[in-house]
Amino acid sequence: MISGNSTARMINLIAGIALLVGISVEVLTGNHHTYSEWYMWLQLVVCIIFITDFASALTRRDAGSRYYMLNLLFLLISIPYLNIMDWLDFRADRGLAVVVATLPLVRSFVAMGVVVQWFISGRANRLFCAYLFTVVCFTYLAALMFYDYELGVNEKLQGFGNALWWAWMNVTTVGAAIFPVTTVGKVLAVLLPALGMMFFPLFTIYVTNIYDIKRGKTEE
């Protein structure tokens, strides 16, 4: 979808995983005020890989306008805005910086999702796994952002384990006994149940279809 060969896909996958691990380490061990120099370099390198992938996508001559528009969107979220802000000596508050830093992560999830679908046979299975992958990644990212914003200002948040539990309880629409106090935390508390309500009917339909197909084969 994004790159035409397996080598490019694997490079994107490795870059995406590296950035996800990097932001996880940064959020869990950083000072929650500024980003470490090593993480800034990591994000820059990963963004360059993604931008290079966009340039290679432009070489396709048989693709339609939708393909190019989609890759243009990927380009916009692959730009290392955080590094550009640092080069321009623009000191944004931590809240804005976290939002900007998550944009390449979205591109990372796309890269990882494409590879996951690549290894799965069957259109229905690929679609289901794409939805499942989206929910898992977004829930984990929401837990990281919730932890980064709420730590120190929310007395009920004792660690990242609490943040991860909070995110999963919200995406399942059950709810948790940890209530957000920051604006970003409140926004996430709305988005997670919304994502869950969109996903779980699809999960139910997928399981029901599998059951119907197996029952049909048994009756034959």
Protein backbone atom coordinates (compact mmCIF):
# COMPACT_ATOMS: atom_id res chain seq x y z
CA MET A 1 0.00 0.00 0.00
CA ILE A 2 2.71 2.46 0.97
CA SER A 3 5.78 0.78 -0.45
CA GLY A 4 5.87 -1.67 -3.27
CA ASN A 5 8.43 -4.15 -1.99
CA SER A 6 9.01 -6.21 1.10
CA THR A 7 12.35 -4.56 1.95
CA ALA A 8 10.75 -1.13 2.25
CA ARG A 9 7.95 -2.59 4.35
CA MET A 10 10.38 -4.24 6.73
CA ILE A 11 12.42 -1.03 7.06
CA ASN A 12 9.23 0.88 7.87
CA LEU A 13 8.28 -1.79 10.39
CA ILE A 14 11.65 -1.61 12.16
CA ALA A 15 11.52 2.21 12.17
CA GLY A 16 7.98 2.17 13.55
CA ILE A 17 8.84 -0.26 16.33
CA ALA A 18 11.98 1.73 17.20
CA LEU A 19 9.97 4.94 17.52
CA LEU A 20 7.28 3.26 19.63
CA VAL A 21 9.90 1.78 21.97
CA GLY A 22 11.70 5.13 22.07
CA ILE A 23 8.64 7.18 23.05
CA SER A 24 7.73 4.52 25.63
CA VAL A 25 11.16 4.75 27.26
CA GLU A 26 11.08 8.55 27.06
CA VAL A 27 7.67 8.86 28.71
CA LEU A 28 8.34 6.25 31.38
CA THR A 29 11.84 7.42 32.33
CA GLY A 30 12.01 11.05 31.17
CA ASN A 31 11.52 14.21 33.17
CA HIS A 32 8.07 14.97 31.63
CA HIS A 33 9.22 18.50 30.76
CA THR A 34 11.64 18.16 27.83
CA TYR A 35 12.61 15.42 25.41
CA SER A 36 16.00 13.75 25.65
CA GLU A 37 18.56 14.39 22.93
CA TRP A 38 18.72 10.71 21.98
CA TYR A 39 14.96 10.62 21.42
CA MET A 40 15.10 13.76 19.27
CA TRP A 41 17.70 12.08 17.05
CA LEU A 42 15.66 8.86 16.92
CA GLN A 43 12.54 10.70 15.81
CA LEU A 44 14.51 12.60 13.16
CA VAL A 45 15.98 9.41 11.69
CA VAL A 46 12.61 7.63 11.66
CA CYS A 47 10.91 10.62 10.03
CA ILE A 48 13.61 10.69 7.33
CA ILE A 49 12.91 7.00 6.64
CA PHE A 50 9.19 7.69 6.32
CA ILE A 51 9.75 10.70 4.06
CA THR A 52 12.07 8.62 1.87
CA ASP A 53 9.30 6.03 1.65
CA PHE A 54 6.93 8.76 0.49
CA ALA A 55 9.40 9.80 -2.21
CA SER A 56 9.60 6.21 -3.46
CA ALA A 57 5.79 6.03 -3.53
CA LEU A 58 5.74 8.91 -6.00
CA THR A 59 7.58 6.77 -8.56
CA ARG A 60 4.51 4.62 -9.09
CA ARG A 61 2.91 5.56 -12.40
CA ASP A 62 -0.06 3.21 -12.26
CA ALA A 63 -1.56 4.56 -9.03
CA GLY A 64 -4.70 6.66 -8.83
CA SER A 65 -5.26 10.02 -7.19
CA ARG A 66 -6.48 8.39 -3.98
CA TYR A 67 -3.13 6.64 -3.59
CA TYR A 68 -1.21 9.91 -3.86
CA MET A 69 -3.58 11.77 -1.53
CA LEU A 70 -3.18 9.04 1.07
CA ASN A 71 0.59 9.15 0.82
CA LEU A 72 0.48 12.95 1.02
CA LEU A 73 -1.31 12.56 4.35
CA PHE A 74 1.40 10.15 5.46
CA LEU A 75 4.00 12.74 4.45
CA LEU A 76 2.35 15.45 6.54
CA ILE A 77 2.44 13.28 9.67
CA SER A 78 6.00 12.13 8.92
CA ILE A 79 7.57 15.60 9.06
CA PRO A 80 9.80 15.94 12.15
CA TYR A 81 7.91 18.90 13.59
CA LEU A 82 9.46 18.39 17.01
CA ASN A 83 12.96 18.71 15.59
CA ILE A 84 12.01 21.73 13.49
CA MET A 85 10.62 23.45 16.59
CA ASP A 86 13.89 22.69 18.39
CA TRP A 87 16.00 24.04 15.51
CA LEU A 88 13.94 27.25 15.47
CA ASP A 89 14.37 27.49 19.25
CA PHE A 90 10.60 27.45 19.65
CA ARG A 91 9.96 26.36 23.22
CA ALA A 92 6.47 24.90 23.26
CA ASP A 93 4.93 23.67 26.47
CA ARG A 94 5.02 19.95 27.17
CA GLY A 95 1.39 19.50 26.17
CA LEU A 96 1.88 20.79 22.62
CA ALA A 97 5.18 18.94 22.33
CA VAL A 98 3.55 15.62 23.22
CA VAL A 99 0.82 16.11 20.62
CA VAL A 100 3.42 16.99 17.96
CA ALA A 101 5.57 14.01 18.94
CA THR A 102 2.65 11.61 18.47
CA LEU A 103 2.21 12.44 14.77
CA PRO A 104 5.12 10.29 13.56
CA LEU A 105 3.81 7.58 15.91
CA VAL A 106 0.58 7.51 13.93
CA ARG A 107 2.68 6.96 10.79
CA SER A 108 4.55 4.22 12.67
CA PHE A 109 1.30 2.43 13.45
CA VAL A 110 0.34 2.62 9.78
CA ALA A 111 3.67 1.09 8.80
CA MET A 112 3.34 -1.70 11.36
CA GLY A 113 -0.29 -2.31 10.41
CA VAL A 114 0.57 -2.72 6.74
CA VAL A 115 3.15 -5.37 7.57
CA VAL A 116 0.74 -7.18 9.88
CA GLN A 117 -1.85 -7.35 7.09
CA TRP A 118 0.87 -8.44 4.65
CA PHE A 119 1.41 -11.67 6.59
CA ILE A 120 -2.30 -12.50 6.89
CA SER A 121 -4.25 -14.28 4.18
CA GLY A 122 -7.89 -13.53 3.45
CA ARG A 123 -9.52 -10.13 3.00
CA ALA A 124 -11.85 -10.53 5.99
CA ASN A 125 -8.99 -11.63 8.26
CA ARG A 126 -6.89 -8.67 7.15
CA LEU A 127 -9.69 -6.22 7.82
CA PHE A 128 -10.35 -7.66 11.26
CA CYS A 129 -6.66 -7.66 12.19
CA ALA A 130 -6.37 -4.07 10.97
CA TYR A 131 -9.17 -3.03 13.33
CA LEU A 132 -7.69 -5.05 16.19
CA PHE A 133 -4.24 -3.61 15.61
CA THR A 134 -5.68 -0.08 15.55
CA VAL A 135 -7.46 -0.55 18.87
CA VAL A 136 -4.41 -2.05 20.60
CA CYS A 137 -2.01 0.62 19.33
CA PHE A 138 -4.33 3.55 20.02
CA THR A 139 -5.10 2.24 23.52
CA TYR A 140 -1.41 1.88 24.32
CA LEU A 141 -0.65 5.35 22.93
CA ALA A 142 -3.55 6.80 24.92
CA ALA A 143 -2.17 5.18 28.06
CA LEU A 144 1.24 6.78 27.41
CA MET A 145 -0.28 10.22 26.83
CA PHE A 146 -2.56 9.90 29.85
CA TYR A 147 0.40 8.92 32.03
CA ASP A 148 2.55 11.76 30.71
CA TYR A 149 -0.11 14.42 31.25
CA GLU A 150 -1.73 13.18 34.46
CA LEU A 151 1.33 12.07 36.44
CA GLY A 152 1.93 14.47 39.28
CA VAL A 153 -1.43 16.19 38.99
CA ASN A 154 -3.76 13.21 39.39
CA GLU A 155 -3.44 11.71 42.85
CA LYS A 156 -5.14 8.46 41.77
CA LEU A 157 -2.51 7.75 39.10
CA GLN A 158 0.27 5.80 40.80
CA GLY A 159 2.16 4.44 37.79
CA PHE A 160 2.01 3.44 34.14
CA GLY A 161 0.23 0.22 35.06
CA ASN A 162 -2.66 2.33 36.34
CA ALA A 163 -2.66 4.36 33.13
CA LEU A 164 -2.71 1.20 30.97
CA TRP A 165 -5.52 -0.26 33.05
CA TRP A 166 -7.44 3.03 32.78
CA ALA A 167 -7.06 3.04 28.98
CA TRP A 168 -8.25 -0.54 28.51
CA MET A 169 -11.19 -0.09 30.88
CA ASN A 170 -12.28 2.96 28.90
CA VAL A 171 -11.88 1.38 25.47
CA THR A 172 -14.08 -1.51 26.64
CA THR A 173 -16.58 1.17 27.82
CA VAL A 174 -16.51 -0.29 31.35
CA GLY A 175 -14.83 2.77 32.84
CA ALA A 176 -12.23 3.08 35.57
CA ALA A 177 -12.04 4.62 39.03
CA ILE A 178 -9.37 7.03 37.81
CA PHE A 179 -10.85 10.31 36.59
CA PRO A 180 -8.80 12.62 34.35
CA VAL A 181 -8.07 16.13 35.57
CA THR A 182 -6.24 17.54 32.52
CA THR A 183 -7.81 18.59 29.23
CA VAL A 184 -5.92 15.94 27.24
CA GLY A 185 -6.92 13.26 29.73
CA LYS A 186 -10.58 14.25 29.40
CA VAL A 187 -10.36 14.17 25.60
CA LEU A 188 -8.83 10.69 25.73
CA ALA A 189 -11.60 9.60 28.11
CA VAL A 190 -14.08 10.48 25.35
CA LEU A 191 -12.15 9.08 22.39
CA LEU A 192 -11.37 5.68 23.91
CA PRO A 193 -15.00 4.60 24.56
CA ALA A 194 -15.95 5.95 21.12
CA LEU A 195 -13.28 3.75 19.53
CA GLY A 196 -14.45 0.80 21.60
CA MET A 197 -18.08 1.26 20.56
CA MET A 198 -17.00 1.29 16.91
CA PHE A 199 -14.76 -1.75 17.23
CA PHE A 200 -16.65 -4.28 19.34
CA PRO A 201 -19.68 -4.57 17.00
CA LEU A 202 -17.20 -5.42 14.22
CA PHE A 203 -15.63 -8.05 16.48
CA THR A 204 -19.07 -9.54 17.17
CA ILE A 205 -19.96 -9.64 13.47
CA TYR A 206 -16.60 -11.24 12.62
CA VAL A 207 -17.01 -14.00 15.22
CA THR A 208 -20.64 -14.58 14.17
CA ASN A 209 -19.63 -14.94 10.52
CA ILE A 210 -16.95 -17.49 11.40
CA TYR A 211 -19.52 -19.47 13.40
CA ASP A 212 -22.06 -19.36 10.56
CA ILE A 213 -19.48 -20.50 8.01
CA LYS A 214 -18.37 -23.43 10.18
CA ARG A 215 -21.96 -24.40 10.92
CA GLY A 216 -22.77 -24.28 7.21
CA LYS A 217 -19.88 -26.59 6.41
CA THR A 218 -20.94 -28.99 9.18
CA GLU A 219 -24.51 -29.18 7.88
CA GLU A 220 -23.22 -29.94 4.38
